[in-house]
Amino acid sequence: MDQNEAPLVNALAEYHRLDRYSSTPPVHRQGRGADPRVLEVLGAQAFCSDVLASAGLDDRSSSGGYLKKAEQLMAEAVGAEQAFFSTCGSSLSVKAAVLAVAAGKG
């Protein structure tokens, strides 16, 4: 695999090139639905890459394959059989890692 590939970055660039947005969560829709006070402090750019995978960029069930390709690249890069990206933040990722290591024991 070519470790210089960036499938999710490329897909996001295409998403922006097509000027797409969805009305599914996150409902701020790349800044279009964010509270004006938040936009004043953070700016709309802070929301531009916060896109929902399904009905937006890519997902595991109906996809363009960007997420799968990116996970394969990650697995190869770290010498793992498989890698999964979490979209629920670091707390969920840590819990998933602990459960995977503990294998349901303890």
N, C-alpha and C. Protein backbone atom coordinates (compact mmCIF):
# COMPACT_ATOMS: atom_id res chain seq x y z
N MET A 1 0.84 -1.18 0.00
CA MET A 1 0.00 0.00 0.00
C MET A 1 0.88 1.24 0.00
N ASP A 2 0.38 2.29 -0.59
CA ASP A 2 1.10 3.55 -0.65
C ASP A 2 0.77 4.38 0.59
N GLN A 3 1.69 4.46 1.53
CA GLN A 3 1.47 5.18 2.78
C GLN A 3 1.39 6.70 2.59
N ASN A 4 1.59 7.17 1.37
CA ASN A 4 1.42 8.59 1.09
C ASN A 4 -0.02 8.93 0.72
N GLU A 5 -0.85 7.90 0.56
CA GLU A 5 -2.25 8.14 0.25
C GLU A 5 -2.96 8.73 1.47
N ALA A 6 -3.97 9.53 1.21
CA ALA A 6 -4.79 10.12 2.28
C ALA A 6 -6.25 10.09 1.85
N PRO A 7 -6.87 8.90 1.86
CA PRO A 7 -8.21 8.76 1.30
C PRO A 7 -9.27 9.63 1.95
N LEU A 8 -9.23 9.79 3.26
CA LEU A 8 -10.24 10.62 3.91
C LEU A 8 -10.01 12.10 3.64
N VAL A 9 -8.77 12.51 3.58
CA VAL A 9 -8.47 13.91 3.26
C VAL A 9 -8.90 14.21 1.83
N ASN A 10 -8.62 13.29 0.92
CA ASN A 10 -9.04 13.48 -0.47
C ASN A 10 -10.56 13.52 -0.59
N ALA A 11 -11.25 12.65 0.12
CA ALA A 11 -12.71 12.63 0.08
C ALA A 11 -13.29 13.92 0.67
N LEU A 12 -12.68 14.41 1.74
CA LEU A 12 -13.15 15.65 2.34
C LEU A 12 -12.92 16.83 1.40
N ALA A 13 -11.79 16.84 0.72
CA ALA A 13 -11.52 17.90 -0.25
C ALA A 13 -12.57 17.89 -1.36
N GLU A 14 -12.93 16.70 -1.84
CA GLU A 14 -13.96 16.58 -2.87
C GLU A 14 -15.33 17.02 -2.33
N TYR A 15 -15.62 16.67 -1.10
CA TYR A 15 -16.86 17.08 -0.44
C TYR A 15 -16.98 18.60 -0.45
N HIS A 16 -15.88 19.28 -0.09
CA HIS A 16 -15.88 20.74 -0.08
C HIS A 16 -15.91 21.31 -1.50
N ARG A 17 -15.22 20.67 -2.42
CA ARG A 17 -15.22 21.16 -3.80
C ARG A 17 -16.63 21.16 -4.37
N LEU A 18 -17.41 20.14 -4.02
CA LEU A 18 -18.79 20.04 -4.49
C LEU A 18 -19.74 20.92 -3.68
N ASP A 19 -19.22 21.59 -2.64
CA ASP A 19 -20.00 22.46 -1.76
C ASP A 19 -21.19 21.73 -1.17
N ARG A 20 -20.95 20.51 -0.71
CA ARG A 20 -22.00 19.69 -0.13
C ARG A 20 -22.16 19.99 1.35
N TYR A 21 -23.32 19.72 1.88
CA TYR A 21 -23.55 19.65 3.32
C TYR A 21 -24.83 18.89 3.55
N SER A 22 -24.90 18.28 4.70
CA SER A 22 -26.10 17.52 5.03
C SER A 22 -26.82 18.21 6.17
N SER A 23 -28.07 17.86 6.34
CA SER A 23 -28.83 18.42 7.47
C SER A 23 -28.98 17.39 8.58
N THR A 24 -28.11 16.39 8.57
CA THR A 24 -28.08 15.39 9.63
C THR A 24 -27.06 15.83 10.67
N PRO A 25 -27.05 15.21 11.85
CA PRO A 25 -26.06 15.59 12.86
C PRO A 25 -24.65 15.48 12.32
N PRO A 26 -23.70 16.30 12.63
CA PRO A 26 -23.83 17.45 13.50
C PRO A 26 -24.58 18.58 12.80
N VAL A 27 -25.59 19.11 13.47
CA VAL A 27 -26.52 20.03 12.82
C VAL A 27 -25.96 21.42 12.57
N HIS A 28 -24.75 21.68 12.97
CA HIS A 28 -24.19 23.00 12.66
C HIS A 28 -23.77 23.11 11.19
N ARG A 29 -23.79 21.99 10.45
CA ARG A 29 -23.59 21.95 9.00
C ARG A 29 -22.43 22.84 8.53
N GLN A 30 -21.26 22.51 8.95
CA GLN A 30 -20.05 23.24 8.57
C GLN A 30 -20.14 24.73 8.92
N GLY A 31 -20.77 25.02 10.03
CA GLY A 31 -20.87 26.40 10.52
C GLY A 31 -22.19 27.06 10.17
N ARG A 32 -22.95 26.50 9.24
CA ARG A 32 -24.21 27.13 8.82
C ARG A 32 -25.27 27.11 9.92
N GLY A 33 -25.18 26.18 10.86
CA GLY A 33 -26.17 26.10 11.91
C GLY A 33 -25.61 26.38 13.29
N ALA A 34 -24.38 26.81 13.35
CA ALA A 34 -23.76 27.10 14.65
C ALA A 34 -24.31 28.39 15.24
N ASP A 35 -24.34 28.44 16.54
CA ASP A 35 -24.76 29.64 17.24
C ASP A 35 -23.85 30.81 16.82
N PRO A 36 -24.44 31.96 16.50
CA PRO A 36 -23.62 33.11 16.06
C PRO A 36 -22.54 33.52 17.07
N ARG A 37 -22.80 33.32 18.36
CA ARG A 37 -21.80 33.67 19.37
C ARG A 37 -20.59 32.75 19.27
N VAL A 38 -20.84 31.48 18.95
CA VAL A 38 -19.75 30.52 18.77
C VAL A 38 -18.97 30.87 17.51
N LEU A 39 -19.68 31.19 16.45
CA LEU A 39 -19.02 31.57 15.20
C LEU A 39 -18.13 32.80 15.38
N GLU A 40 -18.59 33.72 16.21
CA GLU A 40 -17.81 34.93 16.46
C GLU A 40 -16.47 34.61 17.12
N VAL A 41 -16.48 33.63 18.00
CA VAL A 41 -15.25 33.26 18.72
C VAL A 41 -14.39 32.29 17.90
N LEU A 42 -15.02 31.23 17.37
CA LEU A 42 -14.27 30.18 16.69
C LEU A 42 -14.16 30.38 15.18
N GLY A 43 -15.13 31.04 14.59
CA GLY A 43 -15.18 31.18 13.14
C GLY A 43 -15.79 29.94 12.51
N ALA A 44 -16.37 30.10 11.33
CA ALA A 44 -17.01 28.98 10.63
C ALA A 44 -16.00 27.91 10.23
N GLN A 45 -14.76 28.28 10.01
CA GLN A 45 -13.75 27.32 9.56
C GLN A 45 -13.56 26.17 10.56
N ALA A 46 -13.82 26.43 11.83
CA ALA A 46 -13.67 25.38 12.84
C ALA A 46 -14.64 24.23 12.60
N PHE A 47 -15.71 24.44 11.87
CA PHE A 47 -16.73 23.43 11.64
C PHE A 47 -16.65 22.79 10.25
N CYS A 48 -15.81 23.28 9.39
CA CYS A 48 -15.82 22.85 7.98
C CYS A 48 -15.50 21.38 7.77
N SER A 49 -14.73 20.79 8.61
CA SER A 49 -14.37 19.39 8.40
C SER A 49 -15.12 18.45 9.33
N ASP A 50 -16.07 18.98 10.07
CA ASP A 50 -16.87 18.15 10.96
C ASP A 50 -18.09 17.67 10.17
N VAL A 51 -17.89 16.61 9.42
CA VAL A 51 -18.96 16.08 8.58
C VAL A 51 -19.36 14.70 9.07
N LEU A 52 -20.61 14.40 8.93
CA LEU A 52 -21.10 13.09 9.30
C LEU A 52 -20.67 12.09 8.24
N ALA A 53 -20.27 10.93 8.66
CA ALA A 53 -19.84 9.92 7.69
C ALA A 53 -20.99 9.50 6.79
N SER A 54 -22.08 9.03 7.37
CA SER A 54 -23.20 8.60 6.53
C SER A 54 -23.95 9.83 6.02
N ALA A 55 -24.43 9.75 4.82
CA ALA A 55 -25.11 10.85 4.15
C ALA A 55 -24.20 12.06 4.04
N GLY A 56 -22.93 11.83 4.06
CA GLY A 56 -21.98 12.91 3.98
C GLY A 56 -20.73 12.47 3.26
N LEU A 57 -19.77 12.01 4.00
CA LEU A 57 -18.47 11.69 3.42
C LEU A 57 -18.34 10.21 3.07
N ASP A 58 -18.50 9.34 4.03
CA ASP A 58 -18.30 7.90 3.83
C ASP A 58 -18.77 7.18 5.08
N ASP A 59 -19.09 5.92 4.97
CA ASP A 59 -19.39 5.12 6.15
C ASP A 59 -19.09 3.66 5.86
N ARG A 60 -19.29 2.81 6.86
CA ARG A 60 -18.91 1.40 6.70
C ARG A 60 -19.90 0.59 5.89
N SER A 61 -21.17 1.04 5.77
CA SER A 61 -22.17 0.23 5.08
C SER A 61 -22.46 0.70 3.65
N SER A 62 -22.52 1.97 3.42
CA SER A 62 -22.76 2.47 2.06
C SER A 62 -21.69 3.50 1.76
N SER A 63 -20.59 3.03 1.22
CA SER A 63 -19.44 3.92 1.17
C SER A 63 -18.76 3.97 -0.18
N GLY A 64 -17.92 4.98 -0.28
CA GLY A 64 -17.03 5.09 -1.42
C GLY A 64 -15.71 4.37 -1.15
N GLY A 65 -15.60 3.75 0.02
CA GLY A 65 -14.41 2.99 0.37
C GLY A 65 -13.29 3.80 0.98
N TYR A 66 -13.51 5.09 1.22
CA TYR A 66 -12.44 5.94 1.76
C TYR A 66 -12.07 5.53 3.18
N LEU A 67 -13.07 5.31 4.01
CA LEU A 67 -12.83 4.92 5.40
C LEU A 67 -12.13 3.57 5.47
N LYS A 68 -12.60 2.61 4.71
CA LYS A 68 -11.99 1.28 4.70
C LYS A 68 -10.53 1.36 4.26
N LYS A 69 -10.27 2.11 3.21
CA LYS A 69 -8.90 2.25 2.70
C LYS A 69 -8.00 2.92 3.75
N ALA A 70 -8.51 3.95 4.40
CA ALA A 70 -7.73 4.64 5.42
C ALA A 70 -7.42 3.71 6.60
N GLU A 71 -8.40 2.89 6.99
CA GLU A 71 -8.16 1.95 8.09
C GLU A 71 -7.15 0.87 7.69
N GLN A 72 -7.18 0.44 6.43
CA GLN A 72 -6.19 -0.53 5.95
C GLN A 72 -4.80 0.08 5.95
N LEU A 73 -4.69 1.32 5.53
CA LEU A 73 -3.40 2.01 5.55
C LEU A 73 -2.87 2.13 6.97
N MET A 74 -3.77 2.46 7.91
CA MET A 74 -3.35 2.58 9.31
C MET A 74 -2.88 1.25 9.85
N ALA A 75 -3.63 0.20 9.57
CA ALA A 75 -3.24 -1.14 10.05
C ALA A 75 -1.86 -1.51 9.53
N GLU A 76 -1.64 -1.29 8.26
CA GLU A 76 -0.33 -1.61 7.68
C GLU A 76 0.77 -0.76 8.32
N ALA A 77 0.48 0.52 8.53
CA ALA A 77 1.49 1.43 9.09
C ALA A 77 1.94 1.03 10.48
N VAL A 78 1.03 0.45 11.26
CA VAL A 78 1.38 0.08 12.64
C VAL A 78 1.58 -1.42 12.81
N GLY A 79 1.54 -2.17 11.72
CA GLY A 79 1.78 -3.61 11.78
C GLY A 79 0.64 -4.39 12.42
N ALA A 80 -0.58 -3.91 12.25
CA ALA A 80 -1.74 -4.59 12.82
C ALA A 80 -2.51 -5.32 11.72
N GLU A 81 -3.29 -6.31 12.11
CA GLU A 81 -4.13 -7.00 11.15
C GLU A 81 -5.28 -6.12 10.71
N GLN A 82 -5.78 -5.30 11.63
CA GLN A 82 -6.94 -4.48 11.35
C GLN A 82 -6.89 -3.23 12.21
N ALA A 83 -7.44 -2.14 11.70
CA ALA A 83 -7.55 -0.91 12.46
C ALA A 83 -8.95 -0.34 12.25
N PHE A 84 -9.47 0.29 13.28
CA PHE A 84 -10.77 0.95 13.21
C PHE A 84 -10.62 2.37 13.71
N PHE A 85 -11.25 3.30 13.03
CA PHE A 85 -11.26 4.68 13.49
C PHE A 85 -12.52 4.92 14.29
N SER A 86 -12.39 5.64 15.38
CA SER A 86 -13.54 5.99 16.22
C SER A 86 -14.02 7.38 15.85
N THR A 87 -15.32 7.54 15.83
CA THR A 87 -15.88 8.86 15.56
C THR A 87 -16.57 9.41 16.80
N CYS A 88 -16.30 8.80 17.94
CA CYS A 88 -16.99 9.21 19.17
C CYS A 88 -16.04 9.80 20.19
N GLY A 89 -14.90 10.24 19.79
CA GLY A 89 -13.99 10.90 20.71
C GLY A 89 -13.06 9.94 21.43
N SER A 90 -12.14 10.51 22.16
CA SER A 90 -11.08 9.72 22.78
C SER A 90 -11.58 8.85 23.92
N SER A 91 -12.59 9.27 24.66
CA SER A 91 -13.07 8.46 25.78
C SER A 91 -13.58 7.11 25.30
N LEU A 92 -14.37 7.11 24.25
CA LEU A 92 -14.88 5.85 23.72
C LEU A 92 -13.74 5.00 23.17
N SER A 93 -12.77 5.64 22.53
CA SER A 93 -11.63 4.90 21.98
C SER A 93 -10.83 4.21 23.08
N VAL A 94 -10.63 4.89 24.20
CA VAL A 94 -9.90 4.30 25.32
C VAL A 94 -10.69 3.12 25.88
N LYS A 95 -12.00 3.27 26.03
CA LYS A 95 -12.83 2.18 26.55
C LYS A 95 -12.79 0.98 25.60
N ALA A 96 -12.83 1.22 24.30
CA ALA A 96 -12.76 0.13 23.33
C ALA A 96 -11.43 -0.59 23.41
N ALA A 97 -10.34 0.17 23.58
CA ALA A 97 -9.02 -0.44 23.70
C ALA A 97 -8.91 -1.29 24.95
N VAL A 98 -9.43 -0.80 26.07
CA VAL A 98 -9.39 -1.56 27.31
C VAL A 98 -10.20 -2.85 27.16
N LEU A 99 -11.38 -2.76 26.58
CA LEU A 99 -12.20 -3.95 26.38
C LEU A 99 -11.50 -4.95 25.45
N ALA A 100 -10.84 -4.45 24.42
CA ALA A 100 -10.14 -5.35 23.50
C ALA A 100 -8.99 -6.07 24.19
N VAL A 101 -8.24 -5.36 25.01
CA VAL A 101 -7.11 -5.96 25.71
C VAL A 101 -7.57 -6.91 26.80
N ALA A 102 -8.64 -6.52 27.52
CA ALA A 102 -9.14 -7.36 28.62
C ALA A 102 -9.91 -8.57 28.11
N ALA A 103 -10.31 -8.54 26.86
CA ALA A 103 -11.04 -9.66 26.25
C ALA A 103 -12.25 -10.10 27.08
N GLY A 104 -12.92 -9.12 27.70
CA GLY A 104 -14.12 -9.42 28.46
C GLY A 104 -13.87 -9.98 29.84
N LYS A 105 -12.62 -9.99 30.28
CA LYS A 105 -12.29 -10.53 31.61
C LYS A 105 -11.96 -9.39 32.56
N GLY A 106 -12.78 -9.20 33.55
CA GLY A 106 -12.49 -8.16 34.53
C GLY A 106 -13.18 -6.87 34.24
